[in-house]
C-alpha atoms as a PDB file:
ATOM      1  CA  GLY A   1       6.854 -24.091  21.477  1.00  0.00           C
ATOM      2  CA  THR A   2       5.853 -21.401  19.003  1.00  0.00           C
ATOM      3  CA  SER A   3       7.039 -17.817  19.434  1.00  0.00           C
ATOM      4  CA  PRO A   4       4.866 -14.719  19.764  1.00  0.00           C
ATOM      5  CA  VAL A   5       4.894 -12.190  16.934  1.00  0.00           C
ATOM      6  CA  LYS A   6       7.988  -9.928  16.816  1.00  0.00           C
ATOM      7  CA  THR A   7      10.005 -12.097  19.205  1.00  0.00           C
ATOM      8  CA  TYR A   8      12.998 -11.932  16.872  1.00  0.00           C
ATOM      9  CA  PRO A   9      14.403  -8.802  15.204  1.00  0.00           C
ATOM     10  CA  PRO A  10      13.506  -8.093  11.552  1.00  0.00           C
ATOM     11  CA  ASN A  11      15.872  -9.007   8.739  1.00  0.00           C
ATOM     12  CA  GLU A  12      17.617  -6.458   6.510  1.00  0.00           C
ATOM     13  CA  PHE A  13      14.398  -6.021   4.489  1.00  0.00           C
ATOM     14  CA  GLY A  14      12.330  -5.230   7.581  1.00  0.00           C
ATOM     15  CA  PHE A  15      10.441  -8.533   7.682  1.00  0.00           C
ATOM     16  CA  CYS A  16      10.126 -10.584  10.824  1.00  0.00           C
ATOM     17  CA  ASP A  17       8.576 -13.934  11.744  1.00  0.00           C
ATOM     18  CA  LEU A  18       8.373 -15.224   8.175  1.00  0.00           C
ATOM     19  CA  THR A  19       9.834 -18.690   8.589  1.00  0.00           C
ATOM     20  CA  GLY A  20      10.849 -21.191  11.202  1.00  0.00           C
ATOM     21  CA  ASN A  21       8.015 -20.893  13.697  1.00  0.00           C
ATOM     22  CA  VAL A  22       5.732 -23.561  12.211  1.00  0.00           C
ATOM     23  CA  TRP A  23       5.438 -25.410   8.927  1.00  0.00           C
ATOM     24  CA  GLU A  24       2.796 -23.589   6.891  1.00  0.00           C
ATOM     25  CA  TRP A  25       0.008 -25.316   5.007  1.00  0.00           C
ATOM     26  CA  MET A  26      -0.148 -24.310   1.345  1.00  0.00           C
ATOM     27  CA  ARG A  27      -3.444 -23.748  -0.413  1.00  0.00           C
ATOM     28  CA  GLY A  28      -4.584 -26.045  -3.187  1.00  0.00           C
ATOM     29  CA  GLY A  29      -3.944 -29.592  -4.191  1.00  0.00           C
ATOM     30  CA  LYS A  30      -6.277 -32.484  -4.934  1.00  0.00           C
ATOM     31  CA  HIS A  31      -4.525 -35.194  -2.962  1.00  0.00           C
ATOM     32  CA  LYS A  32      -4.845 -36.321   0.637  1.00  0.00           C
ATOM     33  CA  THR A  33      -1.275 -35.273   1.296  1.00  0.00           C
ATOM     34  CA  ARG A  34      -0.851 -31.508   1.410  1.00  0.00           C
ATOM     35  CA  ILE A  35       2.238 -29.393   0.863  1.00  0.00           C
ATOM     36  CA  VAL A  36       3.771 -27.543   3.798  1.00  0.00           C
ATOM     37  CA  ARG A  37       6.601 -25.025   3.488  1.00  0.00           C
ATOM     38  CA  GLY A  38       9.051 -23.317   5.788  1.00  0.00           C
ATOM     39  CA  ALA A  39      10.165 -25.205   8.897  1.00  0.00           C
ATOM     40  CA  SER A  40       9.321 -25.246  12.570  1.00  0.00           C
ATOM     41  CA  TYR A  41      10.878 -24.969  15.990  1.00  0.00           C
ATOM     42  CA  VAL A  42      10.899 -28.787  16.246  1.00  0.00           C
ATOM     43  CA  ASP A  43      13.348 -29.108  13.338  1.00  0.00           C
ATOM     44  CA  SER A  44      16.376 -27.625  15.122  1.00  0.00           C
ATOM     45  CA  LEU A  45      19.172 -29.879  16.311  1.00  0.00           C
ATOM     46  CA  ASP A  46      20.058 -28.014  19.486  1.00  0.00           C
ATOM     47  CA  GLY A  47      16.994 -25.784  19.963  1.00  0.00           C
ATOM     48  CA  SER A  48      18.801 -22.600  18.947  1.00  0.00           C
ATOM     49  CA  PHE A  49      18.959 -22.710  15.146  1.00  0.00           C
ATOM     50  CA  ASN A  50      16.456 -23.941  12.630  1.00  0.00           C
ATOM     51  CA  HIS A  51      18.462 -26.119  10.214  1.00  0.00           C
ATOM     52  CA  ALA A  52      15.526 -27.016   7.965  1.00  0.00           C
ATOM     53  CA  ALA A  53      14.406 -23.427   7.440  1.00  0.00           C
ATOM     54  CA  THR A  54      15.606 -22.576   3.963  1.00  0.00           C
ATOM     55  CA  LEU A  55      13.963 -20.765   1.105  1.00  0.00           C
ATOM     56  CA  GLY A  56      13.004 -24.005  -0.620  1.00  0.00           C
ATOM     57  CA  ALA A  57      12.112 -26.125   2.427  1.00  0.00           C
ATOM     58  CA  ARG A  58       9.060 -28.177   1.465  1.00  0.00           C
ATOM     59  CA  SER A  59       7.401 -31.274   2.776  1.00  0.00           C
ATOM     60  CA  THR A  60       4.090 -33.107   2.568  1.00  0.00           C
ATOM     61  CA  LEU A  61       1.717 -34.088   5.341  1.00  0.00           C
ATOM     62  CA  HIS A  62      -1.616 -35.848   5.332  1.00  0.00           C
ATOM     63  CA  GLY A  63      -4.470 -33.347   5.323  1.00  0.00           C
ATOM     64  CA  THR A  64      -5.800 -34.556   8.686  1.00  0.00           C
ATOM     65  CA  THR A  65      -2.480 -34.119  10.517  1.00  0.00           C
ATOM     66  CA  SER A  66      -2.679 -31.864  13.519  1.00  0.00           C
ATOM     67  CA  THR A  67       0.465 -31.045  15.475  1.00  0.00           C
ATOM     68  CA  GLY A  68       1.804 -28.020  17.304  1.00  0.00           C
ATOM     69  CA  ASN A  69       4.429 -27.299  14.662  1.00  0.00           C
ATOM     70  CA  VAL A  70       2.109 -27.033  11.614  1.00  0.00           C
ATOM     71  CA  GLY A  71      -0.153 -24.069  10.954  1.00  0.00           C
ATOM     72  CA  PHE A  72      -1.151 -21.405   8.467  1.00  0.00           C
ATOM     73  CA  ARG A  73      -0.590 -17.674   8.080  1.00  0.00           C
ATOM     74  CA  CYS A  74      -3.412 -15.154   7.832  1.00  0.00           C
ATOM     75  CA  VAL A  75      -2.463 -12.258   5.595  1.00  0.00           C
ATOM     76  CA  LYS A  76      -4.246  -9.212   4.297  1.00  0.00           C
ATOM     77  CA  SER A  77      -3.233  -7.028   1.400  1.00  0.00           C
ATOM     78  CA  PRO A  78      -2.437  -3.482   2.464  1.00  0.00           C
ATOM     79  CA  GLN A  79      -4.875  -0.752   1.583  1.00  0.00           C
ATOM     80  CA  ARG A  80      -3.621   1.112  -1.435  1.00  0.00           C
ATOM     81  CA  ARG A  81      -2.838   4.729  -0.863  1.00  0.00           C
ATOM     82  CA  THR A  82      -3.933   7.315  -3.369  1.00  0.00           C
ATOM     83  CA  GLU A  83      -1.306   9.978  -3.669  1.00  0.00           C
ATOM     84  CA  TYR A  84      -1.902  13.474  -4.952  1.00  0.00           C
ATOM     85  CA  HIS A  85       0.123  16.432  -6.031  1.00  0.00           C
ATOM     86  CA  TRP A  86      -0.995  20.022  -6.379  1.00  0.00           C
ATOM     87  CA  VAL A  87      -1.045  21.856  -9.695  1.00  0.00           C
ATOM     88  CA  TYR A  88      -2.023  25.430 -10.440  1.00  0.00           C
ATOM     89  CA  HIS A  89      -5.135  25.881 -12.521  1.00  0.00           C
ATOM     90  CA  ASP A  90      -5.440  28.936 -14.726  1.00  0.00           C
ATOM     91  CA  GLU A  91      -9.109  29.388 -15.597  1.00  0.00           C
ATOM     92  CA  GLU A  92      -8.288  31.531 -18.637  1.00  0.00           C
ATOM     93  CA  THR A  93      -6.129  28.796 -20.138  1.00  0.00           C
ATOM     94  CA  HIS A  94      -7.822  25.624 -18.876  1.00  0.00           C
ATOM     95  CA  GLY A  95     -11.413  26.741 -18.441  1.00  0.00           C
ATOM     96  CA  GLN A  96     -13.548  26.827 -15.320  1.00  0.00           C
ATOM     97  CA  LEU A  97     -12.656  24.374 -12.602  1.00  0.00           C
ATOM     98  CA  ALA A  98     -16.207  23.950 -11.324  1.00  0.00           C
ATOM     99  CA  VAL A  99     -19.657  25.114 -12.327  1.00  0.00           C
ATOM    100  CA  GLU A 100     -22.131  25.961  -9.587  1.00  0.00           C
ATOM    101  CA  ASP A 101     -25.830  25.337 -10.227  1.00  0.00           C
ATOM    102  CA  LYS A 102     -28.746  27.334  -8.796  1.00  0.00           C
ATOM    103  CA  TYR A 103     -28.832  25.099  -5.680  1.00  0.00           C
ATOM    104  CA  GLY A 104     -25.179  25.721  -4.841  1.00  0.00           C
ATOM    105  CA  LYS A 105     -23.915  22.302  -5.981  1.00  0.00           C
ATOM    106  CA  LYS A 106     -20.535  22.374  -7.720  1.00  0.00           C
ATOM    107  CA  ASP A 107     -20.002  20.045 -10.665  1.00  0.00           C
ATOM    108  CA  MET A 108     -16.436  19.384 -11.735  1.00  0.00           C
ATOM    109  CA  ILE A 109     -15.801  19.657 -15.456  1.00  0.00           C
ATOM    110  CA  PRO A 110     -13.227  17.245 -16.911  1.00  0.00           C
ATOM    111  CA  GLN A 111     -10.599  19.230 -18.801  1.00  0.00           C
ATOM    112  CA  GLN A 112      -8.822  17.987 -21.898  1.00  0.00           C
ATOM    113  CA  GLY A 113      -5.318  16.888 -20.963  1.00  0.00           C
ATOM    114  CA  TRP A 114      -5.987  17.068 -17.218  1.00  0.00           C
ATOM    115  CA  GLU A 115      -7.034  14.250 -14.931  1.00  0.00           C
ATOM    116  CA  ASP A 116     -10.623  14.638 -13.852  1.00  0.00           C
ATOM    117  CA  GLN A 117     -10.152  13.324 -10.308  1.00  0.00           C
ATOM    118  CA  PHE A 118      -9.395  16.405  -8.295  1.00  0.00           C
ATOM    119  CA  GLU A 119     -10.702  18.607  -5.545  1.00  0.00           C
ATOM    120  CA  VAL A 120     -10.746  22.374  -5.427  1.00  0.00           C
ATOM    121  CA  ASP A 121      -8.837  23.773  -2.477  1.00  0.00           C
ATOM    122  CA  GLU A 122     -10.641  27.059  -1.946  1.00  0.00           C
ATOM    123  CA  ASP A 123      -8.985  27.797   1.416  1.00  0.00           C
ATOM    124  CA  ASP A 124      -5.391  27.595   0.245  1.00  0.00           C
ATOM    125  CA  ASP A 125      -5.242  30.129  -2.598  1.00  0.00           C
ATOM    126  CA  ASP A 126      -1.760  31.412  -3.186  1.00  0.00           C
ATOM    127  CA  GLU A 127      -1.314  35.061  -4.036  1.00  0.00           C
ATOM    128  CA  PHE A 128       1.226  36.078  -6.625  1.00  0.00           C
ATOM    129  CA  GLU A 129       2.549  39.551  -7.260  1.00  0.00           C
ATOM    130  CA  PRO A 130       2.501  40.498 -10.928  1.00  0.00           C
ATOM    131  CA  GLY A 131       5.934  40.927 -12.502  1.00  0.00           C
ATOM    132  CA  ASP A 132       6.256  44.443 -13.983  1.00  0.00           C
ATOM    133  CA  ASP A 133       2.769  45.730 -13.254  1.00  0.00           C
ATOM    134  CA  SER A 134       2.889  47.855 -10.122  1.00  0.00           C
ATOM    135  CA  ASP A 135      -0.719  48.969  -9.917  1.00  0.00           C
ATOM    136  CA  GLY A 136      -1.162  47.279  -6.526  1.00  0.00           C
ATOM    137  CA  TYR A 137      -3.354  44.296  -7.335  1.00  0.00           C
ATOM    138  CA  THR A 138      -2.560  40.670  -6.591  1.00  0.00           C
ATOM    139  CA  GLU A 139      -3.476  37.766  -8.800  1.00  0.00           C
ATOM    140  CA  GLN A 140      -4.916  34.618  -7.214  1.00  0.00           C
ATOM    141  CA  LYS A 141      -4.257  31.214  -8.724  1.00  0.00           C
ATOM    142  CA  LYS A 142      -6.345  28.222  -7.742  1.00  0.00           C
ATOM    143  CA  LYS A 143      -4.702  24.949  -6.920  1.00  0.00           C
ATOM    144  CA  ARG A 144      -6.245  21.582  -7.516  1.00  0.00           C
ATOM    145  CA  LYS A 145      -5.349  18.124  -6.301  1.00  0.00           C
ATOM    146  CA  VAL A 146      -4.477  15.672  -9.102  1.00  0.00           C
ATOM    147  CA  VAL A 147      -4.135  11.912  -8.644  1.00  0.00           C
ATOM    148  CA  LYS A 148      -0.549  10.748  -9.138  1.00  0.00           C
ATOM    149  CA  PRO A 149       0.128   7.612 -11.181  1.00  0.00           C
ATOM    150  CA  ARG A 150       0.231   4.423  -9.080  1.00  0.00           C
ATOM    151  CA  THR A 151       3.686   3.485  -7.848  1.00  0.00           C
ATOM    152  CA  ARG A 152       4.572   0.478  -5.730  1.00  0.00           C
ATOM    153  CA  ARG A 153       6.172   1.241  -2.402  1.00  0.00           C
ATOM    154  CA  SER A 154       8.432  -1.167  -0.532  1.00  0.00           C
ATOM    155  CA  ASN A 155       6.137  -1.231   2.513  1.00  0.00           C
ATOM    156  CA  GLU A 156       3.154  -2.357   0.393  1.00  0.00           C
ATOM    157  CA  LEU A 157       4.178  -5.975  -0.090  1.00  0.00           C
END
């Protein structure tokens, strides 16, 4: 019969259980016969190897066919991750990062040349010692979180 998920080890790309368990119904078509792809456990000659399971294995079945070796796969797209990196924000050069109104609400001001999707990290201010000035003060630079450009990752298929 059919195998439970992750019965067999993954291939070199990290995928497992993609073909050979059951023939999979394909979406679409206007005819009574529907396309199925893959292969199933019934198609092996000796029960140990699936001879019909190739990349281009395709067949047609009537739309009302119901057998134990034909099915469909439920898939869901992965949730896209938003990645950030931290940049230092100099208020003298780039202007104020946020303006606070009389009720204490902070409004972020989009800066020219900077992405406007960021958060102020007030807790993680880094302190920098000034170079040649030795009068004992430390300068604080604010960091802000900037959205990185979207990149596709191999585990997001």
